[in-house]
Amino acid sequence: MQNVYKDCYAMDRRCYEELLLTEDILMEHAAAGMADYIREHFAKHSSILIVSGTGNNGADGTALARQLHGDYDVRLSLPFGVKSEMAKIQLERAKKVGVSAVEVLEDADVIVDALLGAGLNKLLNDETIHIVQQLNSFEGHKIACDIPTGVGAEGLMPIAFKADVTLTMGARKEALYLDQNKDEVGEIRCIDLGVSAQMYAMPTQTYVLEKEELKLPSRTTQNAHKGNFGHAALFCGEKEGAGIIAGIASASFGAGLTTLVVHANITPPPYLMHSTVVPDNATALAIGMGLGGHFESEFIEKYVLCSHLPIVLDADAFLSAELLSVLEQKDREIVITPHPKEFTILWKLLTGEELSVAEVQSRRFEMVRMFNAKYPHVTLLLKGSNTLIIQEEQLYINPLGCAKLSKGGSGDVLSGLIVALLAQGYTGLEASIQASLALVIAANNYKGSSYAMLPTDIIEEVSKLEIN
């Protein structure tokens, strides 16, 4: 798990004021970190095109040109000249070792974007857009210095450098984990700036999850029976397939018993029970997947609203003000799993405020924090290519999602995985984190065509996951 910050300005200032590290020292380490990456991955004398801007991000790139010069065929481009003091100093140093600027941009083995960096809050001008388009058209391995040009705190504006890897300085920034930026940032690596990451870091409540943090439910005690592992009850509504998929996922992820709560005859797999009421020994509930208007208000009130069992709300639950009233119950483990469109619907029901999906996507971090301010006890899992999970101001980013999951039924699998863990006694937050990790790791493990993965394929891959 790695710390994530809105920006790194406060940590940089602390380096200057408390650790007596100068701007120059931090910059030299930033350039050295990029140089180390290039030396690790590219043979000497490879061609390196570095396009540097007028400020300190550009100065990082110019320092990199100096550090690589002599071992590599370095081509430094300064399309807008230099303005910041450090950019001027770094250019003078680069000239002293023989680096000269090129006027024409040409493809190279490595393309380094050091134009703008973090803090971009305005649209790119036409000349910068033209340069970015040129760089994107090149075949070389593309490296973004700190953050790709065109990637802002609210998404792309309107084009960005498409990096294979982003070498971000000091610590990870939230903008790197916006869904809209995912295809542009590529792999994310963090470079230390003269002190260890632990020394550089300041307190945060935002973290990025890593694959190694997956902790699967385990059965190490041999003297056990099905009752030791909980009983998940899932409401199976008008679109019964959604409930059945979630039920299969629940049974496959360790729930000792899984029951589908139904009002009509269905034909589930034989290992799933079905009942017209919630079983007395149920230990967790899930509702919303394919629900429709299948259950009467009195039934919902008796078995959902008047229950204190841990619960997952998904899909059609976000269309119902009655079901959303569950969010007011502060003595209950509650998980909600909307995708962005569903978030706009539930937010309007809860607050009266209308949001567009585009607004939610460009302000994902802000949106989940606004929800958390109203319902801090609820675990919100906002789906996306970078899933956000928040409870009690602690925000976790799962960046491992992939396009294979872009198919109906994937969310039903997730709900089933979460309710299975809730039934086994996990907290809402831990169940959401672990189920989310299991889902995306399983999807990434699927070996078939990216367009072909079915919900049942995800469940099969989940069953193959190994405990670390």
Protein backbone atom coordinates (compact mmCIF):
# COMPACT_ATOMS: atom_id res chain seq x y z
CA MET A 1 0.00 0.00 0.00
CA GLN A 2 1.40 3.35 -1.06
CA ASN A 3 0.53 6.87 0.06
CA VAL A 4 -1.27 9.15 -2.38
CA TYR A 5 -1.55 12.95 -2.17
CA LYS A 6 -3.43 15.68 -3.98
CA ASP A 7 -0.04 17.31 -4.57
CA CYS A 8 3.49 17.23 -3.14
CA TYR A 9 4.12 20.93 -2.53
CA ALA A 10 3.95 20.70 1.27
CA MET A 11 6.41 17.80 1.32
CA ASP A 12 8.81 19.62 -0.96
CA ARG A 13 8.66 22.68 1.34
CA ARG A 14 9.40 20.49 4.35
CA CYS A 15 12.45 19.14 2.54
CA TYR A 16 13.69 22.70 2.05
CA GLU A 17 12.83 24.06 5.50
CA GLU A 18 13.38 21.11 7.85
CA LEU A 19 15.71 18.72 6.04
CA LEU A 20 17.88 21.43 4.45
CA LEU A 21 17.54 19.88 1.03
CA THR A 22 17.59 22.48 -1.71
CA GLU A 23 15.45 22.62 -4.81
CA ASP A 24 18.61 21.79 -6.71
CA ILE A 25 19.19 18.59 -4.69
CA LEU A 26 15.63 17.40 -5.24
CA MET A 27 15.94 18.10 -8.94
CA GLU A 28 19.20 16.18 -9.27
CA HIS A 29 17.61 13.16 -7.61
CA ALA A 30 14.54 13.44 -9.85
CA ALA A 31 16.77 13.38 -12.92
CA ALA A 32 18.92 10.58 -11.50
CA GLY A 33 15.81 8.46 -10.90
CA MET A 34 14.77 8.87 -14.52
CA ALA A 35 18.31 8.15 -15.67
CA ASP A 36 18.41 4.96 -13.60
CA TYR A 37 15.20 3.78 -15.27
CA ILE A 38 16.62 4.44 -18.74
CA ARG A 39 19.95 2.78 -17.93
CA GLU A 40 18.10 -0.26 -16.61
CA HIS A 41 15.95 -0.68 -19.70
CA PHE A 42 17.99 0.69 -22.63
CA ALA A 43 21.49 -0.06 -23.85
CA LYS A 44 24.16 2.62 -24.05
CA HIS A 45 24.11 4.78 -27.16
CA SER A 46 20.32 4.42 -27.52
CA SER A 47 18.72 7.61 -28.80
CA ILE A 48 16.88 9.73 -26.20
CA LEU A 49 14.59 12.62 -27.15
CA ILE A 50 13.84 14.89 -24.17
CA VAL A 51 11.28 17.66 -24.66
CA SER A 52 11.56 20.17 -21.82
CA GLY A 53 9.26 23.02 -20.86
CA THR A 54 10.01 26.44 -19.42
CA GLY A 55 9.65 25.61 -15.72
CA ASN A 56 10.99 23.16 -13.19
CA ASN A 57 9.50 20.10 -14.88
CA GLY A 58 11.49 21.11 -17.92
CA ALA A 59 14.52 21.63 -15.69
CA ASP A 60 14.21 18.01 -14.55
CA GLY A 61 14.33 16.97 -18.20
CA THR A 62 17.34 19.16 -18.94
CA ALA A 63 19.17 17.74 -15.92
CA LEU A 64 18.38 14.27 -17.26
CA ALA A 65 19.90 15.24 -20.62
CA ARG A 66 23.14 16.24 -18.88
CA GLN A 67 23.28 13.05 -16.81
CA LEU A 68 22.79 10.80 -19.86
CA HIS A 69 25.00 12.77 -22.26
CA GLY A 70 28.06 10.80 -23.31
CA ASP A 71 26.50 7.40 -22.70
CA TYR A 72 23.43 8.00 -24.88
CA ASP A 73 22.55 9.86 -28.05
CA VAL A 74 20.74 12.68 -26.26
CA ARG A 75 18.54 15.13 -28.15
CA LEU A 76 17.20 17.98 -26.02
CA SER A 77 14.30 20.07 -27.32
CA LEU A 78 13.33 23.36 -25.67
CA PRO A 79 10.37 24.48 -27.81
CA PHE A 80 9.40 27.37 -25.52
CA GLY A 81 12.81 28.30 -24.12
CA VAL A 82 13.44 28.45 -20.36
CA LYS A 83 11.92 30.75 -17.73
CA SER A 84 12.37 29.46 -14.17
CA GLU A 85 15.68 30.05 -12.44
CA MET A 86 16.34 26.34 -12.11
CA ALA A 87 15.53 25.79 -15.77
CA LYS A 88 18.14 28.43 -16.69
CA ILE A 89 20.73 26.91 -14.35
CA GLN A 90 20.15 23.39 -15.64
CA LEU A 91 20.43 24.55 -19.25
CA GLU A 92 23.79 26.21 -18.53
CA ARG A 93 25.04 23.01 -16.87
CA ALA A 94 23.85 20.93 -19.80
CA LYS A 95 25.68 23.19 -22.26
CA LYS A 96 28.90 22.89 -20.25
CA VAL A 97 29.02 19.10 -20.85
CA GLY A 98 28.19 19.48 -24.52
CA VAL A 99 24.41 19.07 -24.70
CA SER A 100 22.93 21.15 -27.50
CA ALA A 101 19.29 21.77 -28.25
CA VAL A 102 17.61 20.41 -31.38
CA GLU A 103 15.03 22.33 -33.37
CA VAL A 104 13.20 19.45 -35.04
CA LEU A 105 11.42 16.68 -33.17
CA GLU A 106 12.27 13.23 -34.49
CA ASP A 107 11.50 9.73 -33.21
CA ALA A 108 13.98 8.08 -30.86
CA ASP A 109 14.35 4.91 -28.82
CA VAL A 110 13.11 6.83 -25.77
CA ILE A 111 10.79 9.85 -25.71
CA VAL A 112 10.77 11.88 -22.47
CA ASP A 113 7.93 14.35 -21.86
CA ALA A 114 9.13 17.04 -19.45
CA LEU A 115 6.94 19.84 -20.74
CA LEU A 116 4.50 20.74 -17.97
CA GLY A 117 4.26 18.25 -15.09
CA ALA A 118 1.92 18.47 -12.09
CA GLY A 119 -0.42 21.35 -11.32
CA LEU A 120 -1.85 21.83 -14.81
CA ASN A 121 -5.10 23.78 -14.44
CA LYS A 122 -5.70 25.29 -17.86
CA LEU A 123 -6.16 24.09 -21.41
CA LEU A 124 -3.09 23.42 -23.51
CA ASN A 125 -2.38 25.99 -26.19
CA ASP A 126 -2.36 25.02 -29.85
CA GLU A 127 1.43 24.78 -30.08
CA THR A 128 1.66 22.47 -27.07
CA ILE A 129 -1.15 20.31 -28.46
CA HIS A 130 0.76 20.02 -31.75
CA ILE A 131 3.93 18.94 -29.89
CA VAL A 132 2.03 16.34 -27.85
CA GLN A 133 0.44 14.98 -31.02
CA GLN A 134 3.88 14.68 -32.59
CA LEU A 135 5.30 12.86 -29.56
CA ASN A 136 2.34 10.49 -29.43
CA SER A 137 2.89 9.60 -33.09
CA PHE A 138 6.46 8.42 -32.41
CA GLU A 139 7.27 4.74 -31.87
CA GLY A 140 9.81 5.15 -29.06
CA HIS A 141 9.25 4.11 -25.45
CA LYS A 142 7.44 7.04 -23.85
CA ILE A 143 8.32 8.34 -20.38
CA ALA A 144 6.41 11.11 -18.60
CA CYS A 145 8.37 13.19 -16.10
CA ASP A 146 6.21 13.45 -12.95
CA ILE A 147 2.88 13.49 -14.82
CA PRO A 148 2.08 13.42 -18.55
CA THR A 149 1.54 16.77 -20.23
CA GLY A 150 -2.20 17.31 -20.59
CA VAL A 151 -3.15 15.23 -17.56
CA GLY A 152 -4.86 17.48 -15.03
CA ALA A 153 -6.56 17.14 -11.68
CA GLU A 154 -9.92 16.85 -13.47
CA GLY A 155 -8.86 14.62 -16.35
CA LEU A 156 -7.50 15.21 -19.85
CA MET A 157 -7.57 18.68 -21.36
CA PRO A 158 -8.27 17.77 -24.20
CA ILE A 159 -5.24 15.69 -25.23
CA ALA A 160 -2.34 14.29 -23.28
CA PHE A 161 1.02 12.65 -23.77
CA LYS A 162 0.39 8.92 -23.86
CA ALA A 163 3.10 7.48 -21.62
CA ASP A 164 4.26 3.90 -21.33
CA VAL A 165 5.51 4.78 -17.87
CA THR A 166 5.11 7.81 -15.62
CA LEU A 167 8.05 8.43 -13.32
CA THR A 168 6.43 10.57 -10.67
CA MET A 169 8.51 12.58 -8.23
CA GLY A 170 8.50 12.11 -4.47
CA ALA A 171 5.04 10.59 -4.07
CA ARG A 172 1.99 9.52 -6.05
CA LYS A 173 -0.59 12.16 -6.99
CA GLU A 174 -4.36 11.69 -7.16
CA ALA A 175 -4.51 12.90 -10.77
CA LEU A 176 -2.56 9.81 -11.81
CA TYR A 177 -5.47 7.65 -10.65
CA LEU A 178 -8.40 9.39 -12.33
CA ASP A 179 -10.20 7.01 -14.68
CA GLN A 180 -9.94 9.52 -17.52
CA ASN A 181 -6.15 9.55 -17.20
CA LYS A 182 -5.53 5.82 -16.92
CA ASP A 183 -4.61 5.15 -20.55
CA GLU A 184 -2.24 8.14 -20.60
CA VAL A 185 -0.19 7.55 -17.44
CA GLY A 186 0.74 3.93 -18.18
CA GLU A 187 2.77 2.20 -15.49
CA ILE A 188 3.39 4.40 -12.45
CA ARG A 189 6.74 4.41 -10.68
CA CYS A 190 7.79 6.73 -7.87
CA ILE A 191 11.23 8.34 -7.63
CA ASP A 192 12.80 9.31 -4.28
CA LEU A 193 14.11 12.87 -4.00
CA GLY A 194 17.16 12.70 -1.76
CA VAL A 195 15.52 10.98 1.19
CA SER A 196 13.64 7.71 1.49
CA ALA A 197 9.96 7.64 0.68
CA GLN A 198 9.28 7.13 4.39
CA MET A 199 11.20 10.30 5.29
CA TYR A 200 9.59 12.30 2.49
CA ALA A 201 6.03 11.25 3.29
CA MET A 202 3.57 13.23 5.37
CA PRO A 203 0.35 11.89 6.93
CA THR A 204 -2.37 11.06 4.43
CA GLN A 205 -5.74 9.34 4.37
CA THR A 206 -5.47 8.20 0.75
CA TYR A 207 -3.71 5.03 -0.35
CA VAL A 208 -3.21 2.96 -3.48
CA LEU A 209 -3.68 -0.78 -3.11
CA GLU A 210 -1.24 -3.31 -4.51
CA LYS A 211 -1.71 -6.88 -5.69
CA GLU A 212 0.28 -8.22 -2.74
CA GLU A 213 -2.35 -6.97 -0.32
CA LEU A 214 -4.90 -9.55 -1.39
CA LYS A 215 -5.79 -11.69 1.62
CA LEU A 216 -8.12 -14.50 0.65
CA PRO A 217 -10.54 -16.14 3.07
CA SER A 218 -8.83 -19.25 4.40
CA ARG A 219 -9.89 -22.42 6.19
CA THR A 220 -6.96 -23.47 8.33
CA THR A 221 -9.01 -25.04 11.15
CA GLN A 222 -9.91 -28.61 10.27
CA ASN A 223 -12.61 -28.98 12.94
CA ALA A 224 -15.10 -26.80 11.08
CA HIS A 225 -18.53 -26.95 9.48
CA LYS A 226 -20.52 -24.78 7.08
CA GLY A 227 -22.00 -22.75 9.90
CA ASN A 228 -18.54 -21.45 10.79
CA PHE A 229 -18.35 -19.54 7.52
CA GLY A 230 -21.58 -17.57 7.53
CA HIS A 231 -24.78 -17.56 5.54
CA ALA A 232 -25.21 -15.03 2.73
CA ALA A 233 -28.75 -14.17 1.64
CA LEU A 234 -29.08 -12.47 -1.76
CA PHE A 235 -32.34 -11.05 -3.09
CA CYS A 236 -33.06 -12.47 -6.54
CA GLY A 237 -35.42 -10.16 -8.43
CA GLU A 238 -36.94 -9.63 -11.88
CA LYS A 239 -33.67 -10.24 -13.73
CA GLU A 240 -32.90 -13.43 -11.88
CA GLY A 241 -29.60 -13.98 -13.72
CA ALA A 242 -27.97 -11.13 -11.81
CA GLY A 243 -28.91 -12.62 -8.46
CA ILE A 244 -27.78 -16.09 -9.51
CA ILE A 245 -24.40 -14.79 -10.70
CA ALA A 246 -23.92 -12.99 -7.39
CA GLY A 247 -24.95 -16.13 -5.52
CA ILE A 248 -22.45 -18.29 -7.40
CA ALA A 249 -19.72 -15.74 -6.61
CA SER A 250 -20.70 -15.77 -2.94
CA ALA A 251 -20.59 -19.56 -2.70
CA SER A 252 -17.23 -19.61 -4.51
CA PHE A 253 -15.67 -17.07 -2.14
CA GLY A 254 -16.10 -18.93 1.08
CA ALA A 255 -19.63 -18.34 2.36
CA GLY A 256 -20.67 -21.53 4.19
CA LEU A 257 -24.22 -21.20 2.92
CA THR A 258 -25.73 -19.03 0.19
CA THR A 259 -29.47 -18.54 -0.21
CA LEU A 260 -31.29 -16.70 -2.97
CA VAL A 261 -34.36 -14.90 -1.62
CA VAL A 262 -37.05 -15.27 -4.30
CA HIS A 263 -40.74 -14.70 -5.00
CA ALA A 264 -40.96 -17.06 -7.98
CA ASN A 265 -39.61 -20.40 -9.02
CA ILE A 266 -36.07 -20.26 -10.38
CA THR A 267 -33.53 -22.87 -11.38
CA PRO A 268 -30.24 -21.99 -9.70
CA PRO A 269 -27.23 -24.31 -9.49
CA PRO A 270 -27.94 -27.12 -6.99
CA TYR A 271 -25.47 -25.80 -4.41
CA LEU A 272 -27.47 -22.55 -4.06
CA MET A 273 -30.49 -22.68 -1.79
CA HIS A 274 -33.57 -20.56 -2.42
CA SER A 275 -36.24 -19.34 -0.06
CA THR A 276 -39.20 -16.97 -0.05
CA VAL A 277 -37.92 -15.35 3.15
CA VAL A 278 -34.55 -14.41 4.57
CA PRO A 279 -33.29 -17.42 6.57
CA ASP A 280 -33.18 -16.94 10.33
CA ASN A 281 -29.50 -17.86 10.43
CA ALA A 282 -28.42 -15.46 7.66
CA THR A 283 -25.35 -13.40 8.56
CA ALA A 284 -25.28 -10.91 5.65
CA LEU A 285 -27.58 -9.57 2.93
CA ALA A 286 -27.15 -8.31 -0.63
CA ILE A 287 -29.88 -6.56 -2.57
CA GLY A 288 -30.28 -4.67 -5.84
CA MET A 289 -28.74 -6.93 -8.49
CA GLY A 290 -31.50 -7.30 -11.11
CA LEU A 291 -34.03 -6.42 -8.40
CA GLY A 292 -36.62 -4.40 -10.34
CA GLY A 293 -39.88 -3.96 -8.43
CA HIS A 294 -40.03 -7.61 -7.48
CA PHE A 295 -40.59 -7.31 -3.71
CA GLU A 296 -43.37 -5.48 -1.92
CA SER A 297 -42.58 -2.59 0.39
CA GLU A 298 -43.72 -4.53 3.46
CA PHE A 299 -41.37 -7.39 2.58
CA ILE A 300 -38.44 -4.98 2.12
CA GLU A 301 -39.22 -3.26 5.39
CA LYS A 302 -39.37 -6.52 7.34
CA TYR A 303 -36.32 -8.25 5.91
CA VAL A 304 -34.05 -5.34 4.96
CA LEU A 305 -34.93 -2.10 6.72
CA CYS A 306 -35.70 -3.70 10.09
CA SER A 307 -32.68 -5.99 9.91
CA HIS A 308 -29.32 -5.22 11.44
CA LEU A 309 -27.39 -7.70 9.29
CA PRO A 310 -24.43 -6.41 7.25
CA ILE A 311 -25.67 -5.49 3.79
CA VAL A 312 -24.50 -4.77 0.26
CA LEU A 313 -26.58 -2.38 -1.87
CA ASP A 314 -26.05 -2.47 -5.63
CA ALA A 315 -27.69 -1.69 -8.97
CA ASP A 316 -31.48 -1.24 -8.65
CA ALA A 317 -31.14 -0.46 -4.94
CA PHE A 318 -29.96 3.00 -6.00
CA LEU A 319 -33.31 3.70 -7.66
CA SER A 320 -35.16 3.24 -4.38
CA ALA A 321 -35.39 5.95 -1.74
CA GLU A 322 -36.80 3.26 0.56
CA LEU A 323 -33.72 1.07 0.27
CA LEU A 324 -31.36 4.04 0.47
CA SER A 325 -32.85 4.87 3.88
CA VAL A 326 -30.64 2.02 5.12
CA LEU A 327 -27.75 4.48 4.88
CA GLU A 328 -29.06 6.25 7.98
CA GLN A 329 -28.47 3.14 10.13
CA LYS A 330 -25.23 3.88 11.92
CA ASP A 331 -24.99 0.62 13.86
CA ARG A 332 -24.80 -1.56 10.74
CA GLU A 333 -22.09 -2.64 8.29
CA ILE A 334 -23.24 -1.15 4.98
CA VAL A 335 -21.50 -1.37 1.61
CA ILE A 336 -22.74 0.37 -1.53
CA THR A 337 -21.21 -0.35 -4.95
CA PRO A 338 -22.47 2.13 -7.59
CA HIS A 339 -20.94 2.76 -10.97
CA PRO A 340 -20.77 6.48 -11.95
CA LYS A 341 -24.26 6.60 -13.52
CA GLU A 342 -25.78 4.93 -10.46
CA PHE A 343 -23.91 7.40 -8.25
CA THR A 344 -25.62 10.31 -9.99
CA ILE A 345 -29.00 8.69 -9.33
CA LEU A 346 -28.43 7.92 -5.66
CA TRP A 347 -26.86 11.35 -5.09
CA LYS A 348 -29.96 13.07 -6.48
CA LEU A 349 -32.23 10.92 -4.29
CA LEU A 350 -30.13 11.69 -1.22
CA THR A 351 -29.42 15.39 -1.78
CA GLY A 352 -31.59 16.67 -4.64
CA GLU A 353 -28.45 17.74 -6.51
CA GLU A 354 -28.18 16.71 -10.14
CA LEU A 355 -24.80 15.57 -11.42
CA SER A 356 -23.73 14.34 -14.82
CA VAL A 357 -21.63 11.22 -15.25
CA ALA A 358 -18.89 13.44 -16.70
CA GLU A 359 -18.87 15.53 -13.52
CA VAL A 360 -18.59 12.45 -11.34
CA GLN A 361 -15.75 11.08 -13.45
CA SER A 362 -13.77 14.33 -13.48
CA ARG A 363 -14.27 14.83 -9.72
CA ARG A 364 -14.16 11.23 -8.49
CA PHE A 365 -12.05 11.94 -5.42
CA GLU A 366 -14.16 14.93 -4.49
CA MET A 367 -17.40 13.00 -5.03
CA VAL A 368 -16.53 10.09 -2.77
CA ARG A 369 -15.33 12.48 -0.07
CA MET A 370 -18.57 14.45 -0.30
CA PHE A 371 -20.54 11.24 0.16
CA ASN A 372 -18.31 10.19 3.05
CA ALA A 373 -18.91 13.51 4.79
CA LYS A 374 -22.64 12.70 4.86
CA TYR A 375 -22.37 8.98 5.60
CA PRO A 376 -18.95 8.34 7.16
CA HIS A 377 -20.00 4.94 8.56
CA VAL A 378 -20.98 3.58 5.12
CA THR A 379 -18.39 1.94 2.88
CA LEU A 380 -18.69 3.41 -0.60
CA LEU A 381 -17.10 1.52 -3.48
CA LEU A 382 -17.28 3.68 -6.62
CA LYS A 383 -16.65 1.42 -9.58
CA GLY A 384 -14.32 2.37 -12.38
CA SER A 385 -11.06 1.46 -14.02
CA ASN A 386 -9.52 2.80 -10.82
CA THR A 387 -12.01 1.79 -8.13
CA LEU A 388 -12.33 4.10 -5.12
CA ILE A 389 -13.26 2.72 -1.68
CA ILE A 390 -13.90 5.05 1.26
CA GLN A 391 -15.09 4.83 4.83
CA GLU A 392 -14.45 7.16 7.79
CA GLU A 393 -12.26 9.42 5.60
CA GLN A 394 -9.90 6.57 4.72
CA LEU A 395 -9.76 6.35 0.93
CA TYR A 396 -8.29 3.40 -0.97
CA ILE A 397 -7.61 3.24 -4.73
CA ASN A 398 -7.64 -0.07 -6.54
CA PRO A 399 -5.77 0.69 -9.81
CA LEU A 400 -5.67 -2.89 -11.12
CA GLY A 401 -8.92 -2.88 -13.11
CA CYS A 402 -8.94 -3.80 -16.79
CA ALA A 403 -11.25 -3.51 -19.79
CA LYS A 404 -12.10 -7.23 -19.58
CA LEU A 405 -14.51 -6.29 -16.77
CA SER A 406 -16.51 -3.97 -19.04
CA LYS A 407 -19.38 -6.38 -19.43
CA GLY A 408 -22.72 -6.95 -17.75
CA GLY A 409 -22.49 -9.24 -14.76
CA SER A 410 -19.06 -8.18 -13.52
CA GLY A 411 -20.65 -5.97 -10.88
CA ASP A 412 -22.92 -8.83 -9.78
CA VAL A 413 -19.82 -10.94 -9.20
CA LEU A 414 -18.33 -8.16 -7.07
CA SER A 415 -21.48 -7.91 -4.94
CA GLY A 416 -21.39 -11.67 -4.42
CA LEU A 417 -17.76 -11.58 -3.35
CA ILE A 418 -18.41 -8.75 -0.89
CA VAL A 419 -21.47 -10.34 0.73
CA ALA A 420 -19.56 -13.63 1.07
CA LEU A 421 -16.92 -11.84 3.14
CA LEU A 422 -19.49 -9.89 5.15
CA ALA A 423 -21.19 -13.20 5.94
CA GLN A 424 -17.86 -14.53 7.20
CA GLY A 425 -17.44 -11.61 9.58
CA TYR A 426 -15.35 -9.11 7.64
CA THR A 427 -16.01 -5.42 8.13
CA GLY A 428 -17.57 -3.53 5.25
CA LEU A 429 -14.30 -1.78 4.47
CA GLU A 430 -12.16 -4.92 4.55
CA ALA A 431 -14.72 -6.92 2.57
CA SER A 432 -14.81 -4.21 -0.12
CA ILE A 433 -11.03 -3.98 -0.37
CA GLN A 434 -10.44 -7.72 -0.54
CA ALA A 435 -13.36 -8.48 -2.87
CA SER A 436 -12.30 -5.67 -5.19
CA LEU A 437 -8.73 -6.96 -5.32
CA ALA A 438 -9.91 -10.54 -5.91
CA LEU A 439 -12.17 -9.41 -8.76
CA VAL A 440 -9.55 -7.46 -10.70
CA ILE A 441 -6.70 -9.91 -10.11
CA ALA A 442 -8.95 -12.75 -11.29
CA ALA A 443 -9.91 -10.73 -14.38
CA ASN A 444 -6.28 -10.01 -15.17
CA ASN A 445 -5.49 -13.72 -14.82
CA TYR A 446 -8.09 -14.68 -17.43
CA LYS A 447 -6.23 -15.99 -20.48
CA GLY A 448 -9.00 -15.76 -23.07
CA SER A 449 -9.61 -12.87 -25.45
CA SER A 450 -10.14 -9.55 -23.71
CA TYR A 451 -13.65 -9.23 -25.15
CA ALA A 452 -14.75 -12.76 -24.28
CA MET A 453 -14.64 -12.95 -20.48
CA LEU A 454 -17.95 -13.89 -18.86
CA PRO A 455 -18.97 -13.42 -15.22
CA THR A 456 -18.61 -17.16 -14.74
CA ASP A 457 -15.04 -16.92 -16.06
CA ILE A 458 -14.25 -14.34 -13.36
CA ILE A 459 -15.68 -16.62 -10.69
CA GLU A 460 -13.64 -19.54 -11.99
CA GLU A 461 -10.47 -17.41 -11.83
CA VAL A 462 -11.36 -16.27 -8.30
CA SER A 463 -11.52 -19.92 -7.27
CA LYS A 464 -7.94 -20.38 -8.53
CA LEU A 465 -6.41 -17.49 -6.58
CA GLU A 466 -3.69 -18.54 -4.18
CA ILE A 467 -3.16 -17.32 -0.63
CA ASN A 468 0.09 -15.36 -0.29
